[in-house]
C-alpha cells in the first residue's frame, strides 16, 4: 500500500474538519460572545486554581484508645458585677480528683464598673484576691513576721497576718468562726464587724488562664465563696455574703478544651449571659469529641477536642425553691469516638480534569449561543426581504 493512500485514509479519522477562511463569516454578535465567554473562562479557571492550591482536610472516625492523658481547659471569662476576691475557680471529676480555688495558672484582673482593668493580672494579684482586699487598702491590724492560724494551717509555715486570713483558714478547715476571742489579729473588732455581709457588685473581674484536669468526665465552676472539702463534700462558704445577692452575669470571651487548629470553631466563644436577676445558676453541658489534626508537610499532630454545648439557667436560693449555688458551671463528658483530621494536597489530575471541563464546556455553550444568534438574525433578514418583495 502506498504511503500516500495510508495518509489519505488517516485523514478520514479527523474529527475536527477545517473550512477555508474565505467561507468564514465573522459577526459583531460572535465577537461579543467570544469576549464574554473568555472572561467567564478566566474567572472559572482562577477559581479552580485557587481550589487546587487550598488544603484538603479529610475526616476519619476511630475508637478513642488513648489512656492516662491530661486535658487543658483554656478560659477567658468576664464577670462585670462580681469582685475578684469573692470568686473561686474549682474543678472535680468522676475519678474523685478535685482542685480548689486554682491560682497557679488562673489569673484574675480587677475591673471597674465600666469594664476597664484595674492594674495588670499577676499571680501575686490572684493571691491577694484570695485574702480579701489588697494589703494597701485594708484597715486590719497586721501581725509582725508570721501570724498564727490557731491550728487551721493547711500547710506547715502558713501565715495568717490579718483577721480575714484567720477566717479564711477556718473556712477551709470547715471550722466555725463565730467567736474571735483570743485571736490577736481580730482585736478591736466586734462580731458584727467580722461577720457583716459584704457587697459584691462594687467592681468586676476578668478570669483567664487554663486548668489541667484528667481526661475523664467532670466539671469546673466559677462561683462566689471560699471553696473547701468537708466530710468528702465540696462546699462553698457563703457566710460572708449573708443576705446579699450575687449578680453572676458573665461573658465568655474564649473557652476551649485543648489546643486549636486551623478553622476550629469553639461554640462558647463570645457567649453572653447577662441578667439583672440575683443568684442565677448558669449551667453549660458540654459533649467533647476527641480530635487529632495532622498538619501537611510535617509530622506535627495536634490533639484537641471539638464540642457541642447545651445551656440551662435557673434561680437558686431559699426563696426560689431550687437548690444550688449561684455562678457558672460547666459539666463535660467525652465521646468514645476519635475524629482524625488529615491535611492533604488536592489531586493534580482532578485539577486538570476541571480545567478541561471548564474550557470545553464554555467553548461548546458559547458556540451554541453564537449559532442561535446568527441563525435568528438570518431568519429575520429573510422575513424582511419577503415583505419587501
Protein backbone atom coordinates (compact mmCIF):
# COMPACT_ATOMS: atom_id res chain seq x y z
CA UNK A 1 0.00 0.00 0.00
CA UNK A 2 1.41 3.38 -0.99
CA UNK A 3 2.24 5.82 1.79
CA UNK A 4 0.04 8.46 0.19
CA UNK A 5 -3.03 6.24 0.38
CA UNK A 6 -2.34 5.49 4.08
CA UNK A 7 -2.17 9.20 4.91
CA UNK A 8 -5.39 9.82 3.00
CA UNK A 9 -7.18 7.16 4.95
CA UNK A 10 -5.74 8.52 8.21
CA UNK A 11 -7.21 11.95 7.39
CA UNK A 12 -10.64 10.42 7.32
CA UNK A 13 -10.45 9.98 11.12
CA UNK A 14 -10.14 13.77 11.66
CA UNK A 15 -12.98 14.79 13.99
CA UNK A 16 -12.22 18.47 13.54
CA UNK A 17 -12.59 19.31 9.81
CA UNK A 18 -11.46 22.78 8.81
CA UNK A 19 -13.08 25.28 6.47
CA UNK A 20 -11.39 27.82 4.31
CA UNK A 21 -11.08 31.31 5.70
CA UNK A 22 -12.93 32.63 2.65
CA UNK A 23 -16.05 30.74 3.74
CA UNK A 24 -16.00 32.01 7.34
CA UNK A 25 -18.31 34.85 8.36
CA UNK A 26 -17.32 36.98 11.35
CA UNK A 27 -20.09 38.94 13.08
CA UNK A 28 -20.38 41.52 15.85
CA UNK A 29 -22.56 39.15 17.87
CA UNK A 30 -19.92 36.43 17.55
CA UNK A 31 -17.22 38.80 18.82
CA UNK A 32 -19.37 39.75 21.84
CA UNK A 33 -20.00 36.09 22.71
CA UNK A 34 -16.26 35.38 22.38
CA UNK A 35 -15.28 38.22 24.77
CA UNK A 36 -17.88 37.29 27.39
CA UNK A 37 -17.06 33.57 27.24
CA UNK A 38 -13.32 34.33 27.54
CA UNK A 39 -13.90 36.41 30.68
CA UNK A 40 -16.07 33.69 32.22
CA UNK A 41 -13.45 31.10 31.30
CA UNK A 42 -10.67 33.06 33.06
CA UNK A 43 -12.79 33.57 36.19
CA UNK A 44 -13.67 29.88 36.43
CA UNK A 45 -10.05 28.89 35.79
CA UNK A 46 -8.80 31.12 38.63
CA UNK A 47 -11.48 29.67 40.90
CA UNK A 48 -10.40 26.12 40.03
CA UNK A 49 -6.74 27.06 40.56
CA UNK A 50 -7.48 28.55 43.97
CA UNK A 51 -9.38 25.41 44.93
CA UNK A 52 -6.46 23.24 43.81
CA UNK A 53 -3.91 25.26 45.82
CA UNK A 54 -6.02 25.06 49.00
CA UNK A 55 -5.52 22.24 51.52
CA UNK A 56 -7.96 19.37 51.63
CA UNK A 57 -8.91 18.12 55.10
CA UNK A 58 -10.23 14.55 55.20
CA UNK A 59 -12.04 13.25 58.32
CA UNK A 60 -11.84 9.69 59.61
CA UNK A 61 -13.53 8.07 62.60
CA UNK A 62 -11.84 5.70 65.07
CA UNK A 63 -12.45 4.38 68.55
CA UNK A 64 -10.53 6.52 71.05
CA UNK A 65 -7.97 4.24 72.74
CA UNK A 66 -5.88 6.94 74.45
CA UNK A 67 -5.08 6.34 78.12
CA UNK A 68 -3.79 8.41 81.03
CA UNK A 69 -4.00 11.70 79.15
CA UNK A 70 -4.49 15.18 80.57
CA UNK A 71 -6.88 17.82 79.31
CA UNK A 72 -6.02 21.52 79.36
CA UNK A 73 -9.06 23.81 79.52
CA UNK A 74 -8.46 27.41 78.45
CA UNK A 75 -10.86 30.10 79.68
CA UNK A 76 -11.29 33.86 79.38
CA UNK A 77 -14.42 34.94 81.24
CA UNK A 78 -15.59 38.34 82.49
CA UNK A 79 -17.94 38.92 85.42
CA UNK A 80 -18.94 42.62 85.23
CA UNK A 81 -20.70 42.74 88.63
CA UNK A 82 -18.77 40.35 90.84
CA UNK A 83 -15.47 41.24 92.52
CA UNK A 84 -12.42 39.02 92.06
CA UNK A 85 -11.86 38.46 95.76
CA UNK A 86 -15.17 36.60 96.07
CA UNK A 87 -14.72 34.27 93.08
CA UNK A 88 -13.28 30.78 93.25
CA UNK A 89 -12.35 28.51 90.32
CA UNK A 90 -12.66 24.81 91.15
CA UNK A 91 -12.59 21.51 89.26
CA UNK A 92 -13.67 17.95 90.05
CA UNK A 93 -14.03 14.77 88.03
CA UNK A 94 -15.53 11.31 88.27
CA UNK A 95 -12.21 9.85 89.43
CA UNK A 96 -12.51 11.89 92.63
CA UNK A 97 -9.77 14.41 91.83
CA UNK A 98 -10.60 17.94 92.98
CA UNK A 99 -8.82 21.28 92.69
CA UNK A 100 -9.87 24.14 94.95
CA UNK A 101 -9.53 27.85 94.22
CA UNK A 102 -6.95 27.37 91.43
CA UNK A 103 -4.39 30.16 91.45
CA UNK A 104 -1.23 28.72 89.85
CA UNK A 105 -2.46 29.05 86.24
CA UNK A 106 -5.57 31.21 86.61
CA UNK A 107 -5.19 34.99 86.54
CA UNK A 108 -7.73 37.43 87.93
CA UNK A 109 -7.89 41.03 86.76
CA UNK A 110 -9.98 43.52 88.70
CA UNK A 111 -12.30 45.63 86.53
CA UNK A 112 -14.17 48.82 87.29
CA UNK A 113 -17.88 49.09 86.54
CA UNK A 114 -17.04 50.32 83.03
CA UNK A 115 -15.03 47.17 82.30
CA UNK A 116 -11.61 48.87 82.43
CA UNK A 117 -8.81 46.87 84.04
CA UNK A 118 -7.53 47.99 87.43
CA UNK A 119 -3.85 47.07 87.35
CA UNK A 120 -2.43 44.07 85.49
CA UNK A 121 -3.15 40.37 86.01
CA UNK A 122 -0.37 38.73 88.03
CA UNK A 123 -0.16 35.70 90.24
CA UNK A 124 0.51 38.00 93.21
CA UNK A 125 -2.73 39.80 92.47
CA UNK A 126 -4.57 36.47 92.46
CA UNK A 127 -3.06 35.54 95.81
CA UNK A 128 -4.07 38.92 97.24
CA UNK A 129 -7.61 38.49 95.94
CA UNK A 130 -7.86 35.22 97.84
CA UNK A 131 -7.23 37.00 101.11
CA UNK A 132 -9.64 39.90 100.57
CA UNK A 133 -8.75 43.45 99.61
CA UNK A 134 -5.13 44.19 98.73
CA UNK A 135 -2.88 44.85 101.73
CA UNK A 136 -2.50 48.52 100.86
CA UNK A 137 -6.26 49.09 101.24
CA UNK A 138 -7.05 47.05 104.36
CA UNK A 139 -7.51 48.61 107.77
CA UNK A 140 -6.97 45.36 109.64
CA UNK A 141 -4.07 45.24 112.10
CA UNK A 142 -1.18 43.20 110.76
CA UNK A 143 0.93 40.95 112.95
CA UNK A 144 4.67 41.19 112.52
CA UNK A 145 6.51 38.35 110.84
CA UNK A 146 4.24 35.28 110.58
CA UNK A 147 0.94 35.27 112.46
CA UNK A 148 -0.62 32.09 113.80
CA UNK A 149 -3.62 30.45 112.15
CA UNK A 150 -4.57 28.87 115.51
CA UNK A 151 -4.43 25.29 114.31
CA UNK A 152 -6.12 25.92 110.96
CA UNK A 153 -2.91 25.89 108.91
CA UNK A 154 -3.35 23.97 105.66
CA UNK A 155 0.41 23.50 105.36
CA UNK A 156 3.46 23.94 107.52
CA UNK A 157 4.66 27.52 107.60
CA UNK A 158 1.32 29.09 106.57
CA UNK A 159 0.89 32.59 107.97
CA UNK A 160 -2.29 34.39 108.99
CA UNK A 161 -1.40 38.06 109.38
CA UNK A 162 -4.93 39.51 109.29
CA UNK A 163 -8.29 38.67 110.78
CA UNK A 164 -9.52 37.80 107.27
CA UNK A 165 -6.61 35.34 106.83
CA UNK A 166 -7.58 33.54 110.02
CA UNK A 167 -11.22 33.49 108.98
CA UNK A 168 -10.33 32.01 105.56
CA UNK A 169 -8.14 29.34 107.16
CA UNK A 170 -11.02 28.36 109.47
CA UNK A 171 -13.40 28.09 106.50
CA UNK A 172 -11.06 25.81 104.58
CA UNK A 173 -10.85 23.56 107.61
CA UNK A 174 -14.63 23.56 107.92
CA UNK A 175 -14.48 25.19 111.36
CA UNK A 176 -16.94 27.76 112.65
CA UNK A 177 -15.65 31.30 113.18
CA UNK A 178 -18.38 32.56 115.46
CA UNK A 179 -16.08 33.69 118.30
CA UNK A 180 -12.94 35.73 117.70
CA UNK A 181 -11.96 35.89 121.38
CA UNK A 182 -8.25 35.28 121.86
CA UNK A 183 -7.35 35.88 118.21
CA UNK A 184 -4.82 38.70 118.14
CA UNK A 185 -5.46 39.60 114.52
CA UNK A 186 -9.12 40.36 115.31
CA UNK A 187 -8.55 42.57 118.37
CA UNK A 188 -10.72 45.67 118.40
CA UNK A 189 -13.30 44.19 116.03
CA UNK A 190 -16.83 43.36 117.07
CA UNK A 191 -18.72 40.24 115.99
CA UNK A 192 -20.85 42.30 113.58
CA UNK A 193 -17.77 43.86 112.00
CA UNK A 194 -16.16 40.47 111.47
CA UNK A 195 -19.24 38.72 110.10
CA UNK A 196 -21.10 41.55 108.37
CA UNK A 197 -22.31 40.78 104.83
CA UNK A 198 -20.06 42.31 102.19
CA UNK A 199 -21.03 43.95 98.92
CA UNK A 200 -20.06 42.00 95.84
CA UNK A 201 -21.01 44.35 92.98
CA UNK A 202 -18.66 47.28 93.52
CA UNK A 203 -16.36 46.05 90.73
CA UNK A 204 -15.99 43.32 88.11
CA UNK A 205 -13.48 40.59 87.38
CA UNK A 206 -11.82 39.02 84.36
CA UNK A 207 -10.65 35.42 84.82
CA UNK A 208 -8.29 33.95 82.24
CA UNK A 209 -5.76 31.14 82.08
CA UNK A 210 -6.02 27.38 81.98
CA UNK A 211 -6.78 24.32 84.10
CA UNK A 212 -5.21 20.92 83.65
CA UNK A 213 -7.52 18.02 84.51
CA UNK A 214 -7.75 14.28 83.93
CA UNK A 215 -9.22 13.15 80.61
CA UNK A 216 -12.39 11.82 82.22
CA UNK A 217 -15.84 13.28 82.70
CA UNK A 218 -16.06 16.09 85.22
CA UNK A 219 -16.92 19.72 85.74
CA UNK A 220 -15.44 23.05 86.66
CA UNK A 221 -17.15 26.11 88.01
CA UNK A 222 -16.60 29.75 88.83
CA UNK A 223 -18.67 30.67 91.86
CA UNK A 224 -18.60 33.06 94.83
CA UNK A 225 -17.46 31.93 98.26
CA UNK A 226 -14.37 30.18 99.54
CA UNK A 227 -14.31 26.54 98.46
CA UNK A 228 -13.14 23.61 100.57
CA UNK A 229 -13.90 19.96 101.22
CA UNK A 230 -15.83 18.98 104.33
CA UNK A 231 -16.74 15.35 105.07
CA UNK A 232 -15.91 14.45 101.44
CA UNK A 233 -18.34 17.10 100.19
CA UNK A 234 -17.37 20.09 98.02
CA UNK A 235 -18.53 23.20 99.91
CA UNK A 236 -18.60 26.95 99.22
CA UNK A 237 -18.67 29.21 102.26
CA UNK A 238 -21.30 31.89 101.57
CA UNK A 239 -21.39 33.19 105.17
CA UNK A 240 -19.60 36.39 104.25
CA UNK A 241 -22.40 37.39 101.89
CA UNK A 242 -25.27 36.97 104.33
CA UNK A 243 -28.45 38.12 102.60
CA UNK A 244 -26.50 39.96 99.87
CA UNK A 245 -27.43 38.80 96.37
CA UNK A 246 -24.79 37.97 93.77
CA UNK A 247 -25.10 39.04 90.15
CA UNK A 248 -23.48 36.21 88.20
CA UNK A 249 -23.85 37.79 84.74
CA UNK A 250 -20.83 36.91 82.61
CA UNK A 251 -19.35 36.96 79.14
CA UNK A 252 -17.31 34.02 77.82
CA UNK A 253 -14.73 35.54 75.51
CA UNK A 254 -13.00 32.23 74.97
CA UNK A 255 -13.31 28.64 76.13
CA UNK A 256 -11.55 25.67 74.55
CA UNK A 257 -10.73 22.13 75.56
CA UNK A 258 -7.24 21.59 74.19
CA UNK A 259 -5.12 23.24 71.51
CA UNK A 260 -6.55 24.96 68.46
CA UNK A 261 -6.12 24.02 64.80
CA UNK A 262 -6.90 25.93 61.55
CA UNK A 263 -10.56 26.94 61.16
CA UNK A 264 -11.51 25.41 64.51
CA UNK A 265 -14.79 26.70 65.97
CA UNK A 266 -15.30 26.93 69.73
CA UNK A 267 -19.04 27.00 70.36
CA UNK A 268 -18.89 29.11 73.55
CA UNK A 269 -16.66 31.92 72.27
CA UNK A 270 -18.50 35.23 72.51
CA UNK A 271 -21.34 33.82 74.65
CA UNK A 272 -23.08 36.42 76.83
CA UNK A 273 -25.22 35.61 79.86
CA UNK A 274 -26.43 38.97 81.16
CA UNK A 275 -29.23 39.19 83.71
CA UNK A 276 -30.48 41.59 86.34
CA UNK A 277 -31.94 38.76 88.43
CA UNK A 278 -29.85 37.87 91.50
CA UNK A 279 -28.41 34.47 92.39
CA UNK A 280 -28.63 32.85 88.97
CA UNK A 281 -27.01 29.48 88.31
CA UNK A 282 -25.77 29.12 84.73
CA UNK A 283 -25.06 25.57 83.60
CA UNK A 284 -23.32 24.50 80.39
CA UNK A 285 -23.47 20.82 79.46
CA UNK A 286 -20.60 20.07 77.08
CA UNK A 287 -20.11 16.95 74.94
CA UNK A 288 -16.45 16.60 73.95
CA UNK A 289 -15.33 14.79 70.81
CA UNK A 290 -11.60 13.89 70.90
CA UNK A 291 -9.92 15.15 67.74
CA UNK A 292 -6.45 14.81 66.22
CA UNK A 293 -5.29 17.14 63.44
CA UNK A 294 -2.35 16.12 61.22
CA UNK A 295 -0.61 19.05 59.53
CA UNK A 296 0.57 18.90 55.92
CA UNK A 297 4.31 18.74 55.31
CA UNK A 298 5.24 17.85 58.89
CA UNK A 299 4.82 15.14 61.48
CA UNK A 300 3.10 17.53 63.87
CA UNK A 301 -0.21 16.24 65.26
CA UNK A 302 -2.48 18.47 67.32
CA UNK A 303 -4.56 16.64 69.93
CA UNK A 304 -7.63 18.60 70.97
CA UNK A 305 -11.40 18.34 71.39
CA UNK A 306 -14.36 19.62 69.42
CA UNK A 307 -17.54 20.05 71.38
CA UNK A 308 -21.25 20.78 71.37
CA UNK A 309 -22.98 22.56 74.24
CA UNK A 310 -26.41 22.92 75.85
CA UNK A 311 -27.16 25.81 78.18
CA UNK A 312 -29.53 25.94 81.15
CA UNK A 313 -30.07 28.54 83.87
CA UNK A 314 -32.18 28.86 86.98
CA UNK A 315 -32.57 30.92 90.14
CA UNK A 316 -31.21 29.37 93.32
CA UNK A 317 -31.61 30.21 96.97
CA UNK A 318 -34.12 29.91 99.78
CA UNK A 319 -36.88 31.92 98.10
CA UNK A 320 -36.55 30.25 94.69
CA UNK A 321 -37.21 26.71 95.85
CA UNK A 322 -34.23 25.43 93.83
CA UNK A 323 -31.08 24.04 95.35
CA UNK A 324 -27.69 25.05 94.03
CA UNK A 325 -25.05 27.73 94.06
CA UNK A 326 -25.01 30.95 92.03
CA UNK A 327 -22.26 31.01 89.44
CA UNK A 328 -21.16 29.45 86.16
CA UNK A 329 -20.92 25.65 85.97
CA UNK A 330 -19.52 23.65 83.05
CA UNK A 331 -20.13 19.90 83.03
CA UNK A 332 -18.27 17.92 80.37
CA UNK A 333 -18.08 14.31 79.22
CA UNK A 334 -16.16 12.56 76.46
CA UNK A 335 -17.35 10.71 73.38
CA UNK A 336 -15.68 7.29 72.77
CA UNK A 337 -15.19 8.24 69.09
CA UNK A 338 -11.99 9.91 67.89
CA UNK A 339 -12.14 12.18 64.84
CA UNK A 340 -8.90 12.22 62.87
CA UNK A 341 -8.47 15.19 60.52
CA UNK A 342 -5.65 14.99 57.97
CA UNK A 343 -4.41 17.75 55.66
CA UNK A 344 -3.73 16.59 52.09
CA UNK A 345 -2.83 18.17 48.76
CA UNK A 346 -5.50 18.05 46.11
CA UNK A 347 -5.02 15.81 43.06
CA UNK A 348 -3.39 17.44 40.03
CA UNK A 349 -5.34 15.13 37.71
CA UNK A 350 -8.55 16.36 39.31
CA UNK A 351 -7.41 19.95 38.66
CA UNK A 352 -6.54 19.11 35.03
CA UNK A 353 -9.92 17.45 34.53
CA UNK A 354 -11.68 20.51 35.96
CA UNK A 355 -9.78 22.90 33.67
CA UNK A 356 -10.61 20.81 30.59
CA UNK A 357 -14.26 20.70 31.61
CA UNK A 358 -14.32 24.48 32.01
CA UNK A 359 -12.69 25.21 28.64
CA UNK A 360 -14.66 22.59 26.70
CA UNK A 361 -17.96 23.39 28.36
CA UNK A 362 -17.73 27.14 27.83
CA UNK A 363 -16.50 26.69 24.25
CA UNK A 364 -19.44 24.42 23.44
CA UNK A 365 -22.06 26.60 25.13
CA UNK A 366 -20.64 29.76 23.53
CA UNK A 367 -20.79 28.04 20.10
CA UNK A 368 -24.45 27.13 20.62
CA UNK A 369 -25.32 30.68 21.69
CA UNK A 370 -23.45 32.20 18.74
CA UNK A 371 -25.12 29.78 16.30
CA UNK A 372 -28.55 30.59 17.72
CA UNK A 373 -27.97 34.35 17.42
CA UNK A 374 -26.60 34.05 13.87
CA UNK A 375 -29.43 31.81 12.60
CA UNK A 376 -32.06 34.01 14.26
CA UNK A 377 -30.59 37.05 12.58
CA UNK A 378 -30.65 35.28 9.15
CA UNK A 379 -34.30 34.29 9.61
CA UNK A 380 -35.26 37.86 10.48
CA UNK A 381 -33.42 39.18 7.39
CA UNK A 382 -35.24 36.71 5.10
CA UNK A 383 -38.60 37.72 6.55
CA UNK A 384 -37.88 41.38 5.89
CA UNK A 385 -36.83 40.62 2.31
CA UNK A 386 -40.05 38.66 1.69
CA UNK A 387 -42.10 41.60 2.92
CA UNK A 388 -40.34 43.98 0.55
CA UNK A 389 -40.97 41.76 -2.46
